[in-house]
Amino acid sequence: APQKDKEEQLSVIEASINKIISEVSELAHYTRLNFTGFIKIV
C-alpha cells in the first residue's frame, strides 16, 4: 500500500495501543488498591 495509507492504518493502531497502555495503568492501580485492602482487612 502507499505510504500515506500505511500511516493512516498505523495511527489507528497507535490509538488502540494507547488505550491498552491506559488499561495496563488502570490494572496496576486496581492491583495496588486491592492489595492494600487485603493487608488492611487482615
PDB file of all heavy atoms in Angstrom:
ATOM      1  N   ALA A   1       0.840  -1.207   0.000  1.00  0.00           N
ATOM      2  CA  ALA A   1       0.000   0.000   0.000  1.00  0.00           C
ATOM      3  C   ALA A   1       0.872   1.254   0.000  1.00  0.00           C
ATOM      4  O   ALA A   1       2.022   1.226   0.448  1.00  0.00           O
ATOM      5  CB  ALA A   1      -0.914  -0.001   1.222  1.00  0.00           C
ATOM      6  N   PRO A   2       0.304   2.352  -0.495  1.00  0.00           N
ATOM      7  CA  PRO A   2       1.044   3.622  -0.454  1.00  0.00           C
ATOM      8  C   PRO A   2       1.378   4.014   0.987  1.00  0.00           C
ATOM      9  O   PRO A   2       0.648   3.668   1.925  1.00  0.00           O
ATOM     10  CB  PRO A   2       0.075   4.632  -1.073  1.00  0.00           C
ATOM     11  CG  PRO A   2      -0.938   3.826  -1.810  1.00  0.00           C
ATOM     12  CD  PRO A   2      -0.988   2.481  -1.154  1.00  0.00           C
ATOM     13  N   GLN A   3       2.467   4.744   1.158  1.00  0.00           N
ATOM     14  CA  GLN A   3       2.937   5.153   2.485  1.00  0.00           C
ATOM     15  C   GLN A   3       1.854   5.895   3.264  1.00  0.00           C
ATOM     16  O   GLN A   3       1.699   5.681   4.467  1.00  0.00           O
ATOM     17  CB  GLN A   3       4.203   6.016   2.356  1.00  0.00           C
ATOM     18  CG  GLN A   3       4.887   6.313   3.663  1.00  0.00           C
ATOM     19  CD  GLN A   3       5.413   5.060   4.362  1.00  0.00           C
ATOM     20  OE1 GLN A   3       5.743   4.058   3.728  1.00  0.00           O
ATOM     21  NE2 GLN A   3       5.471   5.104   5.675  1.00  0.00           N
ATOM     22  N   LYS A   4       1.090   6.750   2.592  1.00  0.00           N
ATOM     23  CA  LYS A   4       0.036   7.523   3.265  1.00  0.00           C
ATOM     24  C   LYS A   4      -1.014   6.592   3.874  1.00  0.00           C
ATOM     25  O   LYS A   4      -1.451   6.794   5.008  1.00  0.00           O
ATOM     26  CB  LYS A   4      -0.602   8.493   2.281  1.00  0.00           C
ATOM     27  CG  LYS A   4      -1.636   9.384   2.916  1.00  0.00           C
ATOM     28  CD  LYS A   4      -2.219  10.369   1.937  1.00  0.00           C
ATOM     29  CE  LYS A   4      -3.273  11.197   2.648  1.00  0.00           C
ATOM     30  NZ  LYS A   4      -3.989  12.076   1.762  1.00  0.00           N
ATOM     31  N   ASP A   5      -1.391   5.546   3.142  1.00  0.00           N
ATOM     32  CA  ASP A   5      -2.370   4.573   3.662  1.00  0.00           C
ATOM     33  C   ASP A   5      -1.805   3.823   4.873  1.00  0.00           C
ATOM     34  O   ASP A   5      -2.510   3.590   5.850  1.00  0.00           O
ATOM     35  CB  ASP A   5      -2.767   3.582   2.571  1.00  0.00           C
ATOM     36  CG  ASP A   5      -3.579   4.218   1.457  1.00  0.00           C
ATOM     37  OD1 ASP A   5      -4.080   5.354   1.652  1.00  0.00           O
ATOM     38  OD2 ASP A   5      -3.725   3.577   0.390  1.00  0.00           O
ATOM     39  N   LYS A   6      -0.551   3.462   4.775  1.00  0.00           N
ATOM     40  CA  LYS A   6       0.095   2.756   5.891  1.00  0.00           C
ATOM     41  C   LYS A   6       0.123   3.641   7.138  1.00  0.00           C
ATOM     42  O   LYS A   6      -0.144   3.170   8.244  1.00  0.00           O
ATOM     43  CB  LYS A   6       1.517   2.341   5.519  1.00  0.00           C
ATOM     44  CG  LYS A   6       1.593   1.193   4.550  1.00  0.00           C
ATOM     45  CD  LYS A   6       3.061   0.821   4.313  1.00  0.00           C
ATOM     46  CE  LYS A   6       3.181  -0.385   3.417  1.00  0.00           C
ATOM     47  NZ  LYS A   6       4.573  -0.824   3.264  1.00  0.00           N
ATOM     48  N   GLU A   7       0.429   4.909   6.946  1.00  0.00           N
ATOM     49  CA  GLU A   7       0.487   5.835   8.084  1.00  0.00           C
ATOM     50  C   GLU A   7      -0.883   5.990   8.734  1.00  0.00           C
ATOM     51  O   GLU A   7      -0.983   6.047   9.970  1.00  0.00           O
ATOM     52  CB  GLU A   7       1.040   7.191   7.629  1.00  0.00           C
ATOM     53  CG  GLU A   7       2.517   7.161   7.332  1.00  0.00           C
ATOM     54  CD  GLU A   7       3.041   8.460   6.727  1.00  0.00           C
ATOM     55  OE1 GLU A   7       2.273   9.436   6.629  1.00  0.00           O
ATOM     56  OE2 GLU A   7       4.221   8.484   6.350  1.00  0.00           O
ATOM     57  N   GLU A   8      -1.930   6.043   7.938  1.00  0.00           N
ATOM     58  CA  GLU A   8      -3.289   6.146   8.489  1.00  0.00           C
ATOM     59  C   GLU A   8      -3.642   4.899   9.286  1.00  0.00           C
ATOM     60  O   GLU A   8      -4.211   4.986  10.379  1.00  0.00           O
ATOM     61  CB  GLU A   8      -4.300   6.366   7.355  1.00  0.00           C
ATOM     62  CG  GLU A   8      -4.241   7.749   6.740  1.00  0.00           C
ATOM     63  CD  GLU A   8      -5.162   7.900   5.532  1.00  0.00           C
ATOM     64  OE1 GLU A   8      -5.965   6.984   5.252  1.00  0.00           O
ATOM     65  OE2 GLU A   8      -5.070   8.949   4.874  1.00  0.00           O
ATOM     66  N   GLN A   9      -3.302   3.737   8.735  1.00  0.00           N
ATOM     67  CA  GLN A   9      -3.571   2.479   9.445  1.00  0.00           C
ATOM     68  C   GLN A   9      -2.770   2.403  10.742  1.00  0.00           C
ATOM     69  O   GLN A   9      -3.283   1.957  11.775  1.00  0.00           O
ATOM     70  CB  GLN A   9      -3.239   1.290   8.542  1.00  0.00           C
ATOM     71  CG  GLN A   9      -4.177   1.145   7.359  1.00  0.00           C
ATOM     72  CD  GLN A   9      -3.723   0.082   6.378  1.00  0.00           C
ATOM     73  OE1 GLN A   9      -2.526  -0.195   6.244  1.00  0.00           O
ATOM     74  NE2 GLN A   9      -4.682  -0.522   5.685  1.00  0.00           N
ATOM     75  N   LEU A  10      -1.537   2.822  10.677  1.00  0.00           N
ATOM     76  CA  LEU A  10      -0.691   2.801  11.879  1.00  0.00           C
ATOM     77  C   LEU A  10      -1.192   3.763  12.947  1.00  0.00           C
ATOM     78  O   LEU A  10      -1.082   3.481  14.143  1.00  0.00           O
ATOM     79  CB  LEU A  10       0.767   3.105  11.522  1.00  0.00           C
ATOM     80  CG  LEU A  10       1.509   1.991  10.796  1.00  0.00           C
ATOM     81  CD1 LEU A  10       2.877   2.477  10.330  1.00  0.00           C
ATOM     82  CD2 LEU A  10       1.642   0.752  11.675  1.00  0.00           C
ATOM     83  N   SER A  11      -1.755   4.891  12.534  1.00  0.00           N
ATOM     84  CA  SER A  11      -2.273   5.832  13.535  1.00  0.00           C
ATOM     85  C   SER A  11      -3.484   5.241  14.259  1.00  0.00           C
ATOM     86  O   SER A  11      -3.677   5.484  15.455  1.00  0.00           O
ATOM     87  CB  SER A  11      -2.605   7.190  12.911  1.00  0.00           C
ATOM     88  OG  SER A  11      -3.734   7.107  12.085  1.00  0.00           O
ATOM     89  N   VAL A  12      -4.280   4.437  13.549  1.00  0.00           N
ATOM     90  CA  VAL A  12      -5.410   3.752  14.200  1.00  0.00           C
ATOM     91  C   VAL A  12      -4.879   2.738  15.214  1.00  0.00           C
ATOM     92  O   VAL A  12      -5.385   2.644  16.343  1.00  0.00           O
ATOM     93  CB  VAL A  12      -6.315   3.067  13.140  1.00  0.00           C
ATOM     94  CG1 VAL A  12      -7.343   2.162  13.810  1.00  0.00           C
ATOM     95  CG2 VAL A  12      -6.997   4.108  12.267  1.00  0.00           C
ATOM     96  N   ILE A  13      -3.856   2.001  14.828  1.00  0.00           N
ATOM     97  CA  ILE A  13      -3.251   1.017  15.741  1.00  0.00           C
ATOM     98  C   ILE A  13      -2.603   1.721  16.930  1.00  0.00           C
ATOM     99  O   ILE A  13      -2.699   1.256  18.069  1.00  0.00           O
ATOM    100  CB  ILE A  13      -2.235   0.131  14.986  1.00  0.00           C
ATOM    101  CG1 ILE A  13      -2.969  -0.699  13.932  1.00  0.00           C
ATOM    102  CG2 ILE A  13      -1.477  -0.767  15.950  1.00  0.00           C
ATOM    103  CD1 ILE A  13      -2.056  -1.416  12.969  1.00  0.00           C
ATOM    104  N   GLU A  14      -1.974   2.856  16.681  1.00  0.00           N
ATOM    105  CA  GLU A  14      -1.358   3.621  17.768  1.00  0.00           C
ATOM    106  C   GLU A  14      -2.394   4.035  18.803  1.00  0.00           C
ATOM    107  O   GLU A  14      -2.147   3.952  20.005  1.00  0.00           O
ATOM    108  CB  GLU A  14      -0.647   4.858  17.214  1.00  0.00           C
ATOM    109  CG  GLU A  14       0.062   5.659  18.277  1.00  0.00           C
ATOM    110  CD  GLU A  14       0.753   6.894  17.725  1.00  0.00           C
ATOM    111  OE1 GLU A  14       0.513   7.272  16.567  1.00  0.00           O
ATOM    112  OE2 GLU A  14       1.537   7.477  18.485  1.00  0.00           O
ATOM    113  N   ALA A  15      -3.569   4.438  18.335  1.00  0.00           N
ATOM    114  CA  ALA A  15      -4.645   4.813  19.260  1.00  0.00           C
ATOM    115  C   ALA A  15      -5.077   3.612  20.100  1.00  0.00           C
ATOM    116  O   ALA A  15      -5.312   3.745  21.312  1.00  0.00           O
ATOM    117  CB  ALA A  15      -5.830   5.382  18.492  1.00  0.00           C
ATOM    118  N   SER A  16      -5.149   2.434  19.484  1.00  0.00           N
ATOM    119  CA  SER A  16      -5.538   1.253  20.257  1.00  0.00           C
ATOM    120  C   SER A  16      -4.438   0.858  21.240  1.00  0.00           C
ATOM    121  O   SER A  16      -4.720   0.425  22.360  1.00  0.00           O
ATOM    122  CB  SER A  16      -5.922   0.088  19.347  1.00  0.00           C
ATOM    123  OG  SER A  16      -4.819  -0.434  18.682  1.00  0.00           O
ATOM    124  N   ILE A  17      -3.170   1.048  20.862  1.00  0.00           N
ATOM    125  CA  ILE A  17      -2.066   0.757  21.784  1.00  0.00           C
ATOM    126  C   ILE A  17      -2.096   1.724  22.965  1.00  0.00           C
ATOM    127  O   ILE A  17      -1.869   1.327  24.110  1.00  0.00           O
ATOM    128  CB  ILE A  17      -0.711   0.790  21.049  1.00  0.00           C
ATOM    129  CG1 ILE A  17      -0.612  -0.406  20.098  1.00  0.00           C
ATOM    130  CG2 ILE A  17       0.456   0.805  22.034  1.00  0.00           C
ATOM    131  CD1 ILE A  17       0.590  -0.387  19.182  1.00  0.00           C
ATOM    132  N   ASN A  18      -2.408   2.983  22.711  1.00  0.00           N
ATOM    133  CA  ASN A  18      -2.530   3.949  23.806  1.00  0.00           C
ATOM    134  C   ASN A  18      -3.636   3.551  24.767  1.00  0.00           C
ATOM    135  O   ASN A  18      -3.507   3.712  25.986  1.00  0.00           O
ATOM    136  CB  ASN A  18      -2.758   5.353  23.256  1.00  0.00           C
ATOM    137  CG  ASN A  18      -1.512   5.943  22.634  1.00  0.00           C
ATOM    138  OD1 ASN A  18      -0.403   5.536  22.945  1.00  0.00           O
ATOM    139  ND2 ASN A  18      -1.699   6.886  21.723  1.00  0.00           N
ATOM    140  N   LYS A  19      -4.734   3.020  24.226  1.00  0.00           N
ATOM    141  CA  LYS A  19      -5.834   2.550  25.076  1.00  0.00           C
ATOM    142  C   LYS A  19      -5.374   1.358  25.918  1.00  0.00           C
ATOM    143  O   LYS A  19      -5.706   1.256  27.100  1.00  0.00           O
ATOM    144  CB  LYS A  19      -7.040   2.175  24.221  1.00  0.00           C
ATOM    145  CG  LYS A  19      -8.259   1.840  25.022  1.00  0.00           C
ATOM    146  CD  LYS A  19      -9.469   1.596  24.135  1.00  0.00           C
ATOM    147  CE  LYS A  19     -10.689   1.402  24.984  1.00  0.00           C
ATOM    148  NZ  LYS A  19     -11.286   0.116  24.915  1.00  0.00           N
ATOM    149  N   ILE A  20      -4.606   0.469  25.317  1.00  0.00           N
ATOM    150  CA  ILE A  20      -4.074  -0.692  26.044  1.00  0.00           C
ATOM    151  C   ILE A  20      -3.155  -0.224  27.172  1.00  0.00           C
ATOM    152  O   ILE A  20      -3.246  -0.709  28.303  1.00  0.00           O
ATOM    153  CB  ILE A  20      -3.326  -1.646  25.082  1.00  0.00           C
ATOM    154  CG1 ILE A  20      -4.304  -2.273  24.093  1.00  0.00           C
ATOM    155  CG2 ILE A  20      -2.573  -2.715  25.860  1.00  0.00           C
ATOM    156  CD1 ILE A  20      -3.637  -2.971  22.916  1.00  0.00           C
ATOM    157  N   ILE A  21      -2.296   0.727  26.880  1.00  0.00           N
ATOM    158  CA  ILE A  21      -1.377   1.259  27.892  1.00  0.00           C
ATOM    159  C   ILE A  21      -2.166   1.875  29.045  1.00  0.00           C
ATOM    160  O   ILE A  21      -1.830   1.681  30.221  1.00  0.00           O
ATOM    161  CB  ILE A  21      -0.408   2.279  27.261  1.00  0.00           C
ATOM    162  CG1 ILE A  21       0.566   1.555  26.329  1.00  0.00           C
ATOM    163  CG2 ILE A  21       0.346   3.069  28.329  1.00  0.00           C
ATOM    164  CD1 ILE A  21       1.382   2.465  25.443  1.00  0.00           C
ATOM    165  N   SER A  22      -3.230   2.578  28.714  1.00  0.00           N
ATOM    166  CA  SER A  22      -4.080   3.170  29.744  1.00  0.00           C
ATOM    167  C   SER A  22      -4.704   2.082  30.624  1.00  0.00           C
ATOM    168  O   SER A  22      -4.751   2.212  31.849  1.00  0.00           O
ATOM    169  CB  SER A  22      -5.163   4.021  29.085  1.00  0.00           C
ATOM    170  OG  SER A  22      -6.058   4.506  30.040  1.00  0.00           O
ATOM    171  N   GLU A  23      -5.163   1.002  29.994  1.00  0.00           N
ATOM    172  CA  GLU A  23      -5.769  -0.085  30.775  1.00  0.00           C
ATOM    173  C   GLU A  23      -4.736  -0.798  31.639  1.00  0.00           C
ATOM    174  O   GLU A  23      -5.060  -1.242  32.740  1.00  0.00           O
ATOM    175  CB  GLU A  23      -6.485  -1.081  29.865  1.00  0.00           C
ATOM    176  CG  GLU A  23      -7.962  -0.753  29.764  1.00  0.00           C
ATOM    177  CD  GLU A  23      -8.796  -1.924  29.297  1.00  0.00           C
ATOM    178  OE1 GLU A  23      -8.949  -2.910  30.043  1.00  0.00           O
ATOM    179  OE2 GLU A  23      -9.320  -1.807  28.195  1.00  0.00           O
ATOM    180  N   VAL A  24      -3.509  -0.918  31.144  1.00  0.00           N
ATOM    181  CA  VAL A  24      -2.443  -1.519  31.956  1.00  0.00           C
ATOM    182  C   VAL A  24      -2.226  -0.670  33.207  1.00  0.00           C
ATOM    183  O   VAL A  24      -2.095  -1.194  34.321  1.00  0.00           O
ATOM    184  CB  VAL A  24      -1.136  -1.675  31.145  1.00  0.00           C
ATOM    185  CG1 VAL A  24       0.041  -2.004  32.050  1.00  0.00           C
ATOM    186  CG2 VAL A  24      -1.293  -2.740  30.069  1.00  0.00           C
ATOM    187  N   SER A  25      -2.223   0.635  33.037  1.00  0.00           N
ATOM    188  CA  SER A  25      -2.072   1.547  34.176  1.00  0.00           C
ATOM    189  C   SER A  25      -3.245   1.402  35.140  1.00  0.00           C
ATOM    190  O   SER A  25      -3.058   1.368  36.363  1.00  0.00           O
ATOM    191  CB  SER A  25      -1.966   2.983  33.666  1.00  0.00           C
ATOM    192  OG  SER A  25      -1.898   3.876  34.736  1.00  0.00           O
ATOM    193  N   GLU A  26      -4.450   1.306  34.604  1.00  0.00           N
ATOM    194  CA  GLU A  26      -5.636   1.125  35.453  1.00  0.00           C
ATOM    195  C   GLU A  26      -5.578  -0.198  36.202  1.00  0.00           C
ATOM    196  O   GLU A  26      -5.944  -0.282  37.379  1.00  0.00           O
ATOM    197  CB  GLU A  26      -6.909   1.195  34.602  1.00  0.00           C
ATOM    198  CG  GLU A  26      -7.208   2.579  34.071  1.00  0.00           C
ATOM    199  CD  GLU A  26      -8.322   2.594  33.033  1.00  0.00           C
ATOM    200  OE1 GLU A  26      -8.703   1.527  32.493  1.00  0.00           O
ATOM    201  OE2 GLU A  26      -8.816   3.703  32.742  1.00  0.00           O
ATOM    202  N   LEU A  27      -5.092  -1.236  35.532  1.00  0.00           N
ATOM    203  CA  LEU A  27      -4.977  -2.541  36.178  1.00  0.00           C
ATOM    204  C   LEU A  27      -3.935  -2.507  37.299  1.00  0.00           C
ATOM    205  O   LEU A  27      -4.135  -3.108  38.354  1.00  0.00           O
ATOM    206  CB  LEU A  27      -4.638  -3.619  35.147  1.00  0.00           C
ATOM    207  CG  LEU A  27      -4.623  -5.057  35.652  1.00  0.00           C
ATOM    208  CD1 LEU A  27      -5.974  -5.449  36.255  1.00  0.00           C
ATOM    209  CD2 LEU A  27      -4.248  -6.011  34.519  1.00  0.00           C
ATOM    210  N   ALA A  28      -2.857  -1.782  37.087  1.00  0.00           N
ATOM    211  CA  ALA A  28      -1.849  -1.635  38.146  1.00  0.00           C
ATOM    212  C   ALA A  28      -2.452  -0.915  39.352  1.00  0.00           C
ATOM    213  O   ALA A  28      -2.225  -1.313  40.506  1.00  0.00           O
ATOM    214  CB  ALA A  28      -0.637  -0.874  37.614  1.00  0.00           C
ATOM    215  N   HIS A  29      -3.232   0.113  39.098  1.00  0.00           N
ATOM    216  CA  HIS A  29      -3.905   0.844  40.178  1.00  0.00           C
ATOM    217  C   HIS A  29      -4.893  -0.074  40.901  1.00  0.00           C
ATOM    218  O   HIS A  29      -4.955  -0.087  42.137  1.00  0.00           O
ATOM    219  CB  HIS A  29      -4.618   2.063  39.601  1.00  0.00           C
ATOM    220  CG  HIS A  29      -5.355   2.871  40.605  1.00  0.00           C
ATOM    221  ND1 HIS A  29      -4.726   3.656  41.535  1.00  0.00           N
ATOM    222  CD2 HIS A  29      -6.688   2.997  40.841  1.00  0.00           C
ATOM    223  CE1 HIS A  29      -5.632   4.235  42.309  1.00  0.00           C
ATOM    224  NE2 HIS A  29      -6.828   3.851  41.902  1.00  0.00           N
ATOM    225  N   TYR A  30      -5.669  -0.842  40.154  1.00  0.00           N
ATOM    226  CA  TYR A  30      -6.623  -1.805  40.702  1.00  0.00           C
ATOM    227  C   TYR A  30      -5.893  -2.791  41.623  1.00  0.00           C
ATOM    228  O   TYR A  30      -6.345  -3.065  42.734  1.00  0.00           O
ATOM    229  CB  TYR A  30      -7.299  -2.543  39.537  1.00  0.00           C
ATOM    230  CG  TYR A  30      -8.069  -3.775  39.913  1.00  0.00           C
ATOM    231  CD1 TYR A  30      -9.409  -3.695  40.286  1.00  0.00           C
ATOM    232  CD2 TYR A  30      -7.474  -5.040  39.869  1.00  0.00           C
ATOM    233  CE1 TYR A  30     -10.123  -4.838  40.613  1.00  0.00           C
ATOM    234  CE2 TYR A  30      -8.183  -6.177  40.197  1.00  0.00           C
ATOM    235  CZ  TYR A  30      -9.498  -6.072  40.572  1.00  0.00           C
ATOM    236  OH  TYR A  30     -10.204  -7.209  40.906  1.00  0.00           O
ATOM    237  N   THR A  31      -4.754  -3.291  41.150  1.00  0.00           N
ATOM    238  CA  THR A  31      -3.990  -4.271  41.915  1.00  0.00           C
ATOM    239  C   THR A  31      -3.469  -3.674  43.214  1.00  0.00           C
ATOM    240  O   THR A  31      -3.592  -4.286  44.284  1.00  0.00           O
ATOM    241  CB  THR A  31      -2.822  -4.807  41.058  1.00  0.00           C
ATOM    242  OG1 THR A  31      -3.362  -5.397  39.870  1.00  0.00           O
ATOM    243  CG2 THR A  31      -2.001  -5.828  41.804  1.00  0.00           C
ATOM    244  N   ARG A  32      -2.916  -2.477  43.146  1.00  0.00           N
ATOM    245  CA  ARG A  32      -2.391  -1.821  44.364  1.00  0.00           C
ATOM    246  C   ARG A  32      -3.507  -1.554  45.369  1.00  0.00           C
ATOM    247  O   ARG A  32      -3.344  -1.785  46.577  1.00  0.00           O
ATOM    248  CB  ARG A  32      -1.691  -0.514  44.006  1.00  0.00           C
ATOM    249  CG  ARG A  32      -0.317  -0.667  43.421  1.00  0.00           C
ATOM    250  CD  ARG A  32       0.418   0.661  43.301  1.00  0.00           C
ATOM    251  NE  ARG A  32      -0.310   1.651  42.520  1.00  0.00           N
ATOM    252  CZ  ARG A  32      -0.247   1.782  41.202  1.00  0.00           C
ATOM    253  NH1 ARG A  32       0.520   0.974  40.498  1.00  0.00           N
ATOM    254  NH2 ARG A  32      -0.931   2.722  40.585  1.00  0.00           N
ATOM    255  N   LEU A  33      -4.634  -1.068  44.878  1.00  0.00           N
ATOM    256  CA  LEU A  33      -5.753  -0.742  45.769  1.00  0.00           C
ATOM    257  C   LEU A  33      -6.279  -1.998  46.468  1.00  0.00           C
ATOM    258  O   LEU A  33      -6.528  -1.990  47.676  1.00  0.00           O
ATOM    259  CB  LEU A  33      -6.855  -0.061  44.957  1.00  0.00           C
ATOM    260  CG  LEU A  33      -7.810   0.867  45.659  1.00  0.00           C
ATOM    261  CD1 LEU A  33      -7.097   1.933  46.473  1.00  0.00           C
ATOM    262  CD2 LEU A  33      -8.727   1.540  44.634  1.00  0.00           C
ATOM    263  N   ASN A  34      -6.438  -3.080  45.713  1.00  0.00           N
ATOM    264  CA  ASN A  34      -6.915  -4.324  46.309  1.00  0.00           C
ATOM    265  C   ASN A  34      -5.889  -4.913  47.262  1.00  0.00           C
ATOM    266  O   ASN A  34      -6.253  -5.397  48.339  1.00  0.00           O
ATOM    267  CB  ASN A  34      -7.285  -5.329  45.217  1.00  0.00           C
ATOM    268  CG  ASN A  34      -8.654  -5.071  44.667  1.00  0.00           C
ATOM    269  OD1 ASN A  34      -9.661  -5.257  45.346  1.00  0.00           O
ATOM    270  ND2 ASN A  34      -8.714  -4.606  43.433  1.00  0.00           N
ATOM    271  N   PHE A  35      -4.617  -4.873  46.886  1.00  0.00           N
ATOM    272  CA  PHE A  35      -3.570  -5.388  47.765  1.00  0.00           C
ATOM    273  C   PHE A  35      -3.606  -4.652  49.102  1.00  0.00           C
ATOM    274  O   PHE A  35      -3.569  -5.270  50.169  1.00  0.00           O
ATOM    275  CB  PHE A  35      -2.199  -5.249  47.099  1.00  0.00           C
ATOM    276  CG  PHE A  35      -1.076  -5.781  47.930  1.00  0.00           C
ATOM    277  CD1 PHE A  35      -0.817  -7.142  47.981  1.00  0.00           C
ATOM    278  CD2 PHE A  35      -0.267  -4.919  48.666  1.00  0.00           C
ATOM    279  CE1 PHE A  35       0.230  -7.643  48.758  1.00  0.00           C
ATOM    280  CE2 PHE A  35       0.770  -5.407  49.447  1.00  0.00           C
ATOM    281  CZ  PHE A  35       1.018  -6.778  49.490  1.00  0.00           C
ATOM    282  N   THR A  36      -3.702  -3.333  49.032  1.00  0.00           N
ATOM    283  CA  THR A  36      -3.790  -2.532  50.258  1.00  0.00           C
ATOM    284  C   THR A  36      -5.017  -2.937  51.063  1.00  0.00           C
ATOM    285  O   THR A  36      -4.947  -3.061  52.294  1.00  0.00           O
ATOM    286  CB  THR A  36      -3.836  -1.031  49.914  1.00  0.00           C
ATOM    287  OG1 THR A  36      -2.648  -0.692  49.193  1.00  0.00           O
ATOM    288  CG2 THR A  36      -3.948  -0.176  51.161  1.00  0.00           C
ATOM    289  N   GLY A  37      -6.137  -3.146  50.379  1.00  0.00           N
ATOM    290  CA  GLY A  37      -7.364  -3.554  51.060  1.00  0.00           C
ATOM    291  C   GLY A  37      -7.200  -4.869  51.796  1.00  0.00           C
ATOM    292  O   GLY A  37      -7.653  -5.014  52.944  1.00  0.00           O
ATOM    293  N   PHE A  38      -6.558  -5.837  51.162  1.00  0.00           N
ATOM    294  CA  PHE A  38      -6.354  -7.133  51.823  1.00  0.00           C
ATOM    295  C   PHE A  38      -5.428  -6.997  53.022  1.00  0.00           C
ATOM    296  O   PHE A  38      -5.693  -7.574  54.083  1.00  0.00           O
ATOM    297  CB  PHE A  38      -5.816  -8.170  50.831  1.00  0.00           C
ATOM    298  CG  PHE A  38      -6.872  -8.698  49.906  1.00  0.00           C
ATOM    299  CD1 PHE A  38      -6.822  -8.424  48.554  1.00  0.00           C
ATOM    300  CD2 PHE A  38      -7.932  -9.455  50.388  1.00  0.00           C
ATOM    301  CE1 PHE A  38      -7.792  -8.904  47.690  1.00  0.00           C
ATOM    302  CE2 PHE A  38      -8.913  -9.940  49.538  1.00  0.00           C
ATOM    303  CZ  PHE A  38      -8.843  -9.660  48.177  1.00  0.00           C
ATOM    304  N   ILE A  39      -4.364  -6.231  52.882  1.00  0.00           N
ATOM    305  CA  ILE A  39      -3.445  -6.031  54.007  1.00  0.00           C
ATOM    306  C   ILE A  39      -4.179  -5.367  55.174  1.00  0.00           C
ATOM    307  O   ILE A  39      -4.056  -5.781  56.327  1.00  0.00           O
ATOM    308  CB  ILE A  39      -2.224  -5.185  53.568  1.00  0.00           C
ATOM    309  CG1 ILE A  39      -1.411  -5.911  52.502  1.00  0.00           C
ATOM    310  CG2 ILE A  39      -1.372  -4.793  54.768  1.00  0.00           C
ATOM    311  CD1 ILE A  39      -0.845  -7.244  52.909  1.00  0.00           C
ATOM    312  N   LYS A  40      -4.961  -4.345  54.868  1.00  0.00           N
ATOM    313  CA  LYS A  40      -5.668  -3.604  55.919  1.00  0.00           C
ATOM    314  C   LYS A  40      -6.749  -4.448  56.592  1.00  0.00           C
ATOM    315  O   LYS A  40      -6.929  -4.376  57.808  1.00  0.00           O
ATOM    316  CB  LYS A  40      -6.250  -2.311  55.367  1.00  0.00           C
ATOM    317  CG  LYS A  40      -5.180  -1.276  55.073  1.00  0.00           C
ATOM    318  CD  LYS A  40      -5.770   0.071  54.817  1.00  0.00           C
ATOM    319  CE  LYS A  40      -4.704   1.127  54.716  1.00  0.00           C
ATOM    320  NZ  LYS A  40      -4.124   1.495  55.994  1.00  0.00           N
ATOM    321  N   ILE A  41      -7.483  -5.266  55.811  1.00  0.00           N
ATOM    322  CA  ILE A  41      -8.555  -6.056  56.430  1.00  0.00           C
ATOM    323  C   ILE A  41      -7.966  -7.165  57.301  1.00  0.00           C
ATOM    324  O   ILE A  41      -8.515  -7.488  58.360  1.00  0.00           O
ATOM    325  CB  ILE A  41      -9.565  -6.591  55.386  1.00  0.00           C
ATOM    326  CG1 ILE A  41     -10.910  -6.921  56.070  1.00  0.00           C
ATOM    327  CG2 ILE A  41      -9.051  -7.804  54.653  1.00  0.00           C
ATOM    328  CD1 ILE A  41     -11.639  -5.758  56.639  1.00  0.00           C
ATOM    329  N   VAL A  42      -6.843  -7.726  56.903  1.00  0.00           N
ATOM    330  CA  VAL A  42      -6.200  -8.745  57.736  1.00  0.00           C
ATOM    331  C   VAL A  42      -5.673  -8.104  59.023  1.00  0.00           C
ATOM    332  O   VAL A  42      -5.809  -8.674  60.111  1.00  0.00           O
ATOM    333  CB  VAL A  42      -5.082  -9.481  56.956  1.00  0.00           C
ATOM    334  CG1 VAL A  42      -4.205 -10.304  57.877  1.00  0.00           C
ATOM    335  CG2 VAL A  42      -5.703 -10.368  55.881  1.00  0.00           C
TER     336      VAL A  42
END
